[in-house]
């Protein structure tokens, strides 16, 4: 697996009482980390610096690199003319200012995306030139809104060029693309995989040692990439719909119940939960190098309920949400995945209080460190600087 190039300096020992010489701890005597390869956890900038700037824009990726991220993550969708661009959703109405462009008003439509009916403007109805006239917007109302519309949509090629330009002899910036809704795009005649391989081949980044991780929720997309000669690290993403706060168990509902290619194949009795079993992990190992689970698969959470059966507002903010849940005992997923030879990169870590379980006392770094102590190999974070600060504290705790 790719090793982050931001190295952690060894910790100096106290001065020798007899000689006064500085003595540095030999690498071989430092405590071992519990990650699959024994290296420090990877920090992946989820959609760029999306906690600060509109997600998946050029400026968000530049900011993420400046914050120190080891890797930058784009979700890849296709334009009408077959160009791969970084957007989380095929529906541009979700994350761009397309609704404010009267010249595109007649392209608003209703379409099924992975079985879910959506109304909006879809990237597959726009050329890259047209999409370049749109601006990205923040998808979270609690995050800065003053940059909405100012930053343009970026292509996958531009992201690779940026990563290369920002890399140096002492630092390599990795890219972590996702094939987004691959079955949907294939049905439109705009398959993602061949174009992805073409771009990575052109970049000279088609190898296991290349600074590239390719992820997907659909196993068939990863299997196709592997069969077609993509040799980069491949990651199977694992989703769920929500958490049952009374039991702490994950729930499964459209569109987050199963990979959509399973639905198309008629495998409607299967859910993402199958992937985290020993048998599921063994199957993933036949075509991928790692897994990317939603973080409650690793540390489940549950709510506290009163005598009236209602969940308690533990932080007293007048709302009941994830911040009023508390962590349960960790599962064995990380150790099970490591036994299968798979690394684990969990998603998504954020700073907002409403997203952090109550037992971490509104401290996002405390949450990161709880996962790092379990041997997590990497995190997807909207706030790469917080993730890196937490990692530094964890490494210091470990004597690294």
Protein backbone atom coordinates (compact mmCIF):
# COMPACT_ATOMS: atom_id res chain seq x y z
CA UNK A 1 0.00 0.00 0.00
CA UNK A 2 1.10 3.58 -0.63
CA UNK A 3 3.03 5.01 2.32
CA UNK A 4 2.45 8.69 3.14
CA UNK A 5 5.57 10.71 2.49
CA UNK A 6 5.05 13.08 5.43
CA UNK A 7 7.35 11.32 7.84
CA UNK A 8 7.05 11.56 11.59
CA UNK A 9 10.38 12.46 13.19
CA UNK A 10 11.73 10.12 15.81
CA UNK A 11 11.41 11.26 19.41
CA UNK A 12 14.64 12.24 21.10
CA UNK A 13 15.46 10.50 24.37
CA UNK A 14 16.55 12.41 27.44
CA UNK A 15 20.22 13.31 27.60
CA UNK A 16 22.39 10.52 28.88
CA UNK A 17 23.27 11.22 32.50
CA UNK A 18 26.78 9.93 32.10
CA UNK A 19 27.83 11.31 28.73
CA UNK A 20 25.53 14.24 27.99
CA UNK A 21 25.23 13.01 24.38
CA UNK A 22 21.91 13.12 22.48
CA UNK A 23 20.58 9.64 21.84
CA UNK A 24 17.85 8.96 19.28
CA UNK A 25 15.54 5.99 19.56
CA UNK A 26 16.42 3.40 16.89
CA UNK A 27 13.53 2.76 14.51
CA UNK A 28 13.60 -0.95 15.39
CA UNK A 29 12.86 -0.25 19.05
CA UNK A 30 9.88 2.05 18.54
CA UNK A 31 6.43 0.64 19.39
CA UNK A 32 4.79 -0.97 16.36
CA UNK A 33 1.65 0.60 14.96
CA UNK A 34 -1.38 -1.63 14.41
CA UNK A 35 -1.96 -0.65 10.79
CA UNK A 36 -1.70 -3.38 8.18
CA UNK A 37 1.74 -2.24 7.00
CA UNK A 38 2.90 -0.75 10.32
CA UNK A 39 2.96 2.75 8.82
CA UNK A 40 1.12 5.83 10.07
CA UNK A 41 -2.54 6.15 9.03
CA UNK A 42 -3.27 7.86 5.73
CA UNK A 43 -5.19 11.16 5.72
CA UNK A 44 -7.43 11.46 2.66
CA UNK A 45 -8.93 14.88 1.94
CA UNK A 46 -12.56 13.91 1.29
CA UNK A 47 -13.67 15.88 -1.79
CA UNK A 48 -10.76 18.23 -1.07
CA UNK A 49 -10.89 20.70 1.81
CA UNK A 50 -14.67 20.41 1.75
CA UNK A 51 -15.02 21.64 5.33
CA UNK A 52 -13.71 25.03 4.23
CA UNK A 53 -14.45 25.50 0.51
CA UNK A 54 -17.04 24.21 -1.98
CA UNK A 55 -16.25 20.54 -2.47
CA UNK A 56 -14.42 19.04 -5.43
CA UNK A 57 -13.30 22.36 -6.86
CA UNK A 58 -9.72 23.10 -7.86
CA UNK A 59 -9.36 25.51 -4.96
CA UNK A 60 -10.64 22.90 -2.48
CA UNK A 61 -7.98 20.45 -3.64
CA UNK A 62 -5.23 23.07 -3.45
CA UNK A 63 -6.36 23.96 0.08
CA UNK A 64 -6.34 20.28 1.10
CA UNK A 65 -2.77 19.90 -0.11
CA UNK A 66 -1.77 23.05 1.76
CA UNK A 67 -3.35 21.58 4.92
CA UNK A 68 -1.04 18.57 4.55
CA UNK A 69 -3.33 15.84 3.23
CA UNK A 70 -1.60 12.68 2.02
CA UNK A 71 -4.21 12.12 -0.70
CA UNK A 72 -6.99 14.10 -2.40
CA UNK A 73 -10.26 12.39 -3.26
CA UNK A 74 -12.44 13.11 -6.29
CA UNK A 75 -15.72 11.40 -7.13
CA UNK A 76 -15.74 10.80 -10.86
CA UNK A 77 -18.77 11.26 -13.08
CA UNK A 78 -19.02 11.79 -16.84
CA UNK A 79 -20.03 14.72 -19.00
CA UNK A 80 -22.05 14.33 -22.20
CA UNK A 81 -18.82 14.33 -24.18
CA UNK A 82 -17.18 11.63 -22.05
CA UNK A 83 -14.93 13.76 -19.86
CA UNK A 84 -14.39 12.67 -16.25
CA UNK A 85 -15.12 15.46 -13.79
CA UNK A 86 -15.08 15.66 -10.00
CA UNK A 87 -18.62 15.76 -8.62
CA UNK A 88 -20.21 13.67 -5.90
CA UNK A 89 -23.55 13.40 -7.73
CA UNK A 90 -24.56 13.09 -11.38
CA UNK A 91 -27.28 15.60 -10.43
CA UNK A 92 -25.52 18.96 -10.70
CA UNK A 93 -28.31 20.67 -8.78
CA UNK A 94 -26.87 19.23 -5.58
CA UNK A 95 -23.46 20.89 -5.60
CA UNK A 96 -23.38 23.61 -8.28
CA UNK A 97 -25.15 26.87 -9.07
CA UNK A 98 -26.74 25.44 -12.22
CA UNK A 99 -30.21 26.48 -10.98
CA UNK A 100 -29.16 30.14 -11.32
CA UNK A 101 -28.24 29.76 -14.99
CA UNK A 102 -31.34 30.58 -17.09
CA UNK A 103 -29.65 29.27 -20.24
CA UNK A 104 -29.88 25.75 -18.77
CA UNK A 105 -33.41 25.96 -17.34
CA UNK A 106 -34.84 23.68 -20.03
CA UNK A 107 -32.45 20.86 -19.11
CA UNK A 108 -34.05 20.26 -15.74
CA UNK A 109 -35.56 16.79 -15.68
CA UNK A 110 -36.46 13.82 -13.51
CA UNK A 111 -34.30 10.72 -13.79
CA UNK A 112 -33.64 7.47 -11.92
CA UNK A 113 -30.16 7.28 -10.40
CA UNK A 114 -29.43 3.85 -8.92
CA UNK A 115 -33.14 3.27 -8.44
CA UNK A 116 -33.76 6.63 -6.76
CA UNK A 117 -35.93 9.22 -8.53
CA UNK A 118 -34.17 12.58 -8.70
CA UNK A 119 -35.11 15.91 -10.24
CA UNK A 120 -32.43 18.34 -11.35
CA UNK A 121 -29.75 18.93 -13.96
CA UNK A 122 -27.60 15.94 -14.88
CA UNK A 123 -23.97 16.09 -15.95
CA UNK A 124 -24.57 13.67 -18.81
CA UNK A 125 -26.71 16.35 -20.50
CA UNK A 126 -23.87 18.90 -20.49
CA UNK A 127 -20.59 19.16 -22.35
CA UNK A 128 -17.44 19.89 -20.39
CA UNK A 129 -17.38 23.41 -21.88
CA UNK A 130 -20.86 24.06 -20.50
CA UNK A 131 -20.07 22.59 -17.10
CA UNK A 132 -17.02 24.84 -16.87
CA UNK A 133 -19.42 27.81 -16.74
CA UNK A 134 -20.91 26.53 -13.46
CA UNK A 135 -19.65 27.23 -9.97
CA UNK A 136 -19.45 24.83 -7.05
CA UNK A 137 -21.51 25.48 -3.92
CA UNK A 138 -21.25 24.25 -0.34
CA UNK A 139 -23.54 21.30 0.33
CA UNK A 140 -23.66 21.91 4.09
CA UNK A 141 -25.51 24.96 5.41
CA UNK A 142 -23.24 25.14 8.47
CA UNK A 143 -20.16 25.62 6.31
CA UNK A 144 -18.89 28.83 4.65
CA UNK A 145 -21.28 30.04 1.95
CA UNK A 146 -19.35 33.10 0.75
CA UNK A 147 -17.43 31.08 -1.84
CA UNK A 148 -20.51 29.67 -3.56
CA UNK A 149 -20.34 30.03 -7.33
CA UNK A 150 -16.78 31.37 -7.35
CA UNK A 151 -14.87 28.17 -8.07
CA UNK A 152 -15.26 26.03 -11.17
CA UNK A 153 -15.70 22.30 -11.72
CA UNK A 154 -12.43 20.41 -12.17
CA UNK A 155 -11.57 17.44 -14.39
CA UNK A 156 -9.79 14.30 -13.25
CA UNK A 157 -6.88 15.18 -15.54
CA UNK A 158 -6.57 18.58 -13.86
CA UNK A 159 -6.51 16.88 -10.44
CA UNK A 160 -3.70 14.56 -11.52
CA UNK A 161 -1.77 17.52 -12.93
CA UNK A 162 -2.24 19.35 -9.62
CA UNK A 163 -1.08 16.39 -7.54
CA UNK A 164 2.03 16.02 -9.67
CA UNK A 165 2.77 19.75 -9.54
CA UNK A 166 2.48 19.80 -5.74
CA UNK A 167 4.59 16.68 -5.23
CA UNK A 168 8.32 16.91 -4.61
CA UNK A 169 11.32 14.85 -3.62
CA UNK A 170 10.11 14.93 -0.01
CA UNK A 171 6.36 14.67 -0.52
CA UNK A 172 4.06 12.77 -2.82
CA UNK A 173 0.43 13.83 -3.12
CA UNK A 174 -1.73 10.80 -3.93
CA UNK A 175 -5.07 10.78 -5.73
CA UNK A 176 -8.01 8.67 -4.55
CA UNK A 177 -10.71 8.64 -7.26
CA UNK A 178 -14.08 6.90 -6.98
CA UNK A 179 -16.04 5.53 -9.91
CA UNK A 180 -19.37 7.12 -9.00
CA UNK A 181 -22.59 5.36 -10.03
CA UNK A 182 -20.72 3.22 -12.58
CA UNK A 183 -23.72 1.08 -13.65
CA UNK A 184 -25.78 4.24 -14.18
CA UNK A 185 -23.08 5.72 -16.39
CA UNK A 186 -22.62 2.49 -18.32
CA UNK A 187 -26.36 2.43 -19.10
CA UNK A 188 -26.05 5.96 -20.50
CA UNK A 189 -23.25 4.85 -22.80
CA UNK A 190 -20.73 6.83 -20.77
CA UNK A 191 -18.71 4.16 -18.94
CA UNK A 192 -16.17 5.50 -16.48
CA UNK A 193 -13.64 2.71 -16.23
CA UNK A 194 -11.90 2.71 -19.63
CA UNK A 195 -11.44 6.49 -19.50
CA UNK A 196 -10.02 6.20 -15.98
CA UNK A 197 -7.48 3.61 -17.08
CA UNK A 198 -6.55 5.72 -20.11
CA UNK A 199 -5.87 8.78 -17.94
CA UNK A 200 -3.83 6.83 -15.38
CA UNK A 201 -1.81 5.13 -18.12
CA UNK A 202 -1.06 8.52 -19.63
CA UNK A 203 0.07 9.76 -16.22
CA UNK A 204 2.39 6.78 -15.79
CA UNK A 205 0.44 5.84 -12.67
CA UNK A 206 -0.76 2.33 -13.43
CA UNK A 207 1.04 0.24 -10.81
CA UNK A 208 0.68 -0.91 -7.22
CA UNK A 209 3.37 1.55 -6.17
CA UNK A 210 1.73 4.51 -7.91
CA UNK A 211 0.24 7.16 -5.60
CA UNK A 212 -3.27 6.11 -6.62
CA UNK A 213 -6.19 4.42 -4.86
CA UNK A 214 -9.29 3.64 -6.92
CA UNK A 215 -12.51 3.06 -5.01
CA UNK A 216 -16.08 2.09 -5.80
CA UNK A 217 -19.24 0.92 -4.08
CA UNK A 218 -19.89 -1.47 -6.99
CA UNK A 219 -17.74 -4.64 -7.05
CA UNK A 220 -18.28 -5.08 -10.80
CA UNK A 221 -16.57 -1.74 -11.47
CA UNK A 222 -13.48 -2.76 -9.52
CA UNK A 223 -13.46 -6.22 -11.10
CA UNK A 224 -13.72 -4.67 -14.57
CA UNK A 225 -10.85 -2.31 -13.84
CA UNK A 226 -8.70 -5.18 -12.61
CA UNK A 227 -9.57 -7.36 -15.61
CA UNK A 228 -8.75 -4.51 -18.00
CA UNK A 229 -5.25 -4.11 -16.59
CA UNK A 230 -5.54 -1.47 -13.88
CA UNK A 231 -2.82 -2.33 -11.37
CA UNK A 232 -3.32 0.43 -8.80
CA UNK A 233 -4.64 -0.20 -5.31
CA UNK A 234 -8.38 -0.94 -5.39
CA UNK A 235 -10.81 -0.30 -2.54
CA UNK A 236 -14.29 -1.70 -1.97
CA UNK A 237 -16.52 0.89 -0.32
CA UNK A 238 -19.12 -0.34 2.17
CA UNK A 239 -22.22 1.70 2.94
CA UNK A 240 -25.40 1.60 5.02
CA UNK A 241 -28.45 3.82 5.24
CA UNK A 242 -28.56 4.80 8.92
CA UNK A 243 -28.15 3.67 12.52
CA UNK A 244 -31.01 2.31 14.62
CA UNK A 245 -30.35 4.42 17.70
CA UNK A 246 -32.15 1.97 20.00
CA UNK A 247 -29.98 -0.99 19.09
CA UNK A 248 -26.89 0.51 17.50
CA UNK A 249 -27.39 -1.71 14.47
CA UNK A 250 -27.02 -0.38 10.95
CA UNK A 251 -30.08 -0.15 8.75
CA UNK A 252 -30.30 -0.69 4.99
CA UNK A 253 -32.56 1.17 2.58
CA UNK A 254 -32.39 2.47 -1.00
CA UNK A 255 -30.01 3.76 -2.29
CA UNK A 256 -27.57 2.66 0.45
CA UNK A 257 -28.74 -0.90 0.99
CA UNK A 258 -26.49 -2.75 -1.44
CA UNK A 259 -24.20 -2.09 -4.42
CA UNK A 260 -26.45 -1.13 -7.30
CA UNK A 261 -24.88 -3.73 -9.55
CA UNK A 262 -26.20 -6.36 -7.10
CA UNK A 263 -29.69 -4.89 -7.53
CA UNK A 264 -29.37 -5.04 -11.31
CA UNK A 265 -28.28 -8.67 -11.04
CA UNK A 266 -31.40 -9.51 -9.01
CA UNK A 267 -29.48 -10.05 -5.77
CA UNK A 268 -32.05 -8.13 -3.75
CA UNK A 269 -31.76 -10.27 -0.62
CA UNK A 270 -28.14 -9.22 -0.11
CA UNK A 271 -26.95 -6.13 1.73
CA UNK A 272 -23.66 -4.31 2.29
CA UNK A 273 -23.50 -6.08 5.67
CA UNK A 274 -22.37 -9.26 3.89
CA UNK A 275 -19.13 -7.56 2.95
CA UNK A 276 -17.90 -7.20 6.53
CA UNK A 277 -18.16 -10.92 7.35
CA UNK A 278 -15.04 -13.10 7.08
CA UNK A 279 -16.47 -14.67 3.92
CA UNK A 280 -17.27 -11.25 2.48
CA UNK A 281 -13.78 -9.95 3.22
CA UNK A 282 -12.25 -13.04 1.61
CA UNK A 283 -14.29 -12.38 -1.53
CA UNK A 284 -13.21 -8.73 -1.61
CA UNK A 285 -9.58 -9.80 -1.34
CA UNK A 286 -9.89 -11.58 -4.70
CA UNK A 287 -10.28 -8.25 -6.50
CA UNK A 288 -9.30 -5.43 -4.12
CA UNK A 289 -6.57 -4.35 -1.72
CA UNK A 290 -8.64 -2.64 0.92
CA UNK A 291 -12.07 -1.66 2.17
CA UNK A 292 -13.64 1.72 2.84
CA UNK A 293 -16.43 1.23 5.41
CA UNK A 294 -18.72 3.82 6.97
CA UNK A 295 -17.23 4.38 10.40
CA UNK A 296 -20.13 2.88 12.50
CA UNK A 297 -19.09 -0.49 11.08
CA UNK A 298 -15.98 -0.09 13.25
CA UNK A 299 -17.23 1.78 16.32
CA UNK A 300 -21.03 1.45 16.51
CA UNK A 301 -23.10 4.09 18.26
CA UNK A 302 -26.48 4.09 19.99
CA UNK A 303 -28.76 6.58 21.66
CA UNK A 304 -29.96 6.91 25.23
CA UNK A 305 -33.70 6.72 25.69
CA UNK A 306 -36.02 7.98 28.41
CA UNK A 307 -38.94 6.23 30.03
CA UNK A 308 -41.21 7.74 27.38
CA UNK A 309 -39.28 5.92 24.67
CA UNK A 310 -37.80 9.10 23.20
CA UNK A 311 -34.10 9.54 22.59
CA UNK A 312 -32.50 11.96 25.05
CA UNK A 313 -30.89 15.23 23.99
CA UNK A 314 -27.60 14.59 25.78
CA UNK A 315 -25.90 17.85 24.81
CA UNK A 316 -28.93 20.02 25.51
CA UNK A 317 -28.96 21.82 22.18
CA UNK A 318 -32.65 21.16 21.59
CA UNK A 319 -31.97 18.68 18.79
CA UNK A 320 -31.57 14.92 18.74
CA UNK A 321 -28.92 13.71 16.30
CA UNK A 322 -25.63 11.82 16.01
CA UNK A 323 -24.11 14.03 18.72
CA UNK A 324 -26.55 12.50 21.22
CA UNK A 325 -25.35 8.97 20.50
CA UNK A 326 -22.56 7.28 22.44
CA UNK A 327 -19.94 4.85 21.23
CA UNK A 328 -20.35 1.13 21.76
CA UNK A 329 -17.58 -1.47 21.96
CA UNK A 330 -15.59 -1.65 18.71
CA UNK A 331 -16.28 -4.47 16.29
CA UNK A 332 -13.60 -6.81 15.01
CA UNK A 333 -13.78 -5.41 11.46
CA UNK A 334 -10.30 -3.89 11.36
CA UNK A 335 -8.60 -7.01 12.72
CA UNK A 336 -10.74 -9.25 10.48
CA UNK A 337 -9.83 -7.19 7.42
CA UNK A 338 -6.15 -7.22 8.34
CA UNK A 339 -6.29 -11.02 8.71
CA UNK A 340 -7.66 -11.13 5.17
CA UNK A 341 -4.80 -8.91 3.98
CA UNK A 342 -6.99 -5.85 3.42
CA UNK A 343 -6.30 -2.34 4.68
CA UNK A 344 -9.15 -0.25 6.10
CA UNK A 345 -9.87 3.41 5.26
CA UNK A 346 -13.00 4.64 7.06
CA UNK A 347 -15.33 7.51 6.15
CA UNK A 348 -16.25 10.28 6.86
CA UNK A 349 -14.70 12.26 9.72
CA UNK A 350 -15.95 15.81 10.26
CA UNK A 351 -15.59 18.61 12.79
CA UNK A 352 -19.19 19.73 13.28
CA UNK A 353 -20.51 18.99 16.76
CA UNK A 354 -23.67 17.36 15.42
CA UNK A 355 -21.55 14.68 13.76
CA UNK A 356 -19.43 13.63 16.76
CA UNK A 357 -20.74 11.06 19.29
CA UNK A 358 -21.37 12.48 22.75
CA UNK A 359 -18.63 10.49 24.51
CA UNK A 360 -15.99 12.39 22.53
CA UNK A 361 -17.24 15.63 24.12
CA UNK A 362 -17.34 17.62 20.87
CA UNK A 363 -13.64 16.92 20.27
CA UNK A 364 -13.07 15.62 16.72
CA UNK A 365 -9.46 14.72 17.52
CA UNK A 366 -10.64 12.39 20.28
CA UNK A 367 -12.75 10.53 17.73
CA UNK A 368 -9.87 10.14 15.28
CA UNK A 369 -7.58 8.84 18.00
CA UNK A 370 -10.13 6.24 19.12
CA UNK A 371 -10.07 4.82 15.58
CA UNK A 372 -6.29 5.11 15.19
CA UNK A 373 -5.81 3.09 18.38
CA UNK A 374 -7.73 0.22 16.76
CA UNK A 375 -5.24 0.07 13.87
CA UNK A 376 -7.26 1.98 11.27
CA UNK A 377 -5.12 2.42 8.15
CA UNK A 378 -6.60 5.69 6.95
CA UNK A 379 -9.37 8.25 7.28
CA UNK A 380 -11.48 10.22 4.86
CA UNK A 381 -11.77 13.69 6.35
CA UNK A 382 -13.46 16.95 5.38
CA UNK A 383 -10.94 18.71 7.63
CA UNK A 384 -7.50 17.30 6.79
CA UNK A 385 -5.73 19.63 9.19
CA UNK A 386 -7.70 18.27 12.14
CA UNK A 387 -7.02 14.70 11.04
CA UNK A 388 -3.29 15.39 10.79
CA UNK A 389 -3.23 17.07 14.21
CA UNK A 390 -5.00 14.07 15.72
CA UNK A 391 -2.59 11.71 13.98
CA UNK A 392 0.37 13.63 15.38
CA UNK A 393 -1.05 13.34 18.90
CA UNK A 394 -1.66 9.63 18.40
CA UNK A 395 1.88 9.02 17.12
CA UNK A 396 3.30 10.90 20.08
CA UNK A 397 1.13 8.78 22.36
CA UNK A 398 2.63 5.72 20.66
CA UNK A 399 6.19 6.95 21.13
CA UNK A 400 6.68 7.49 17.41
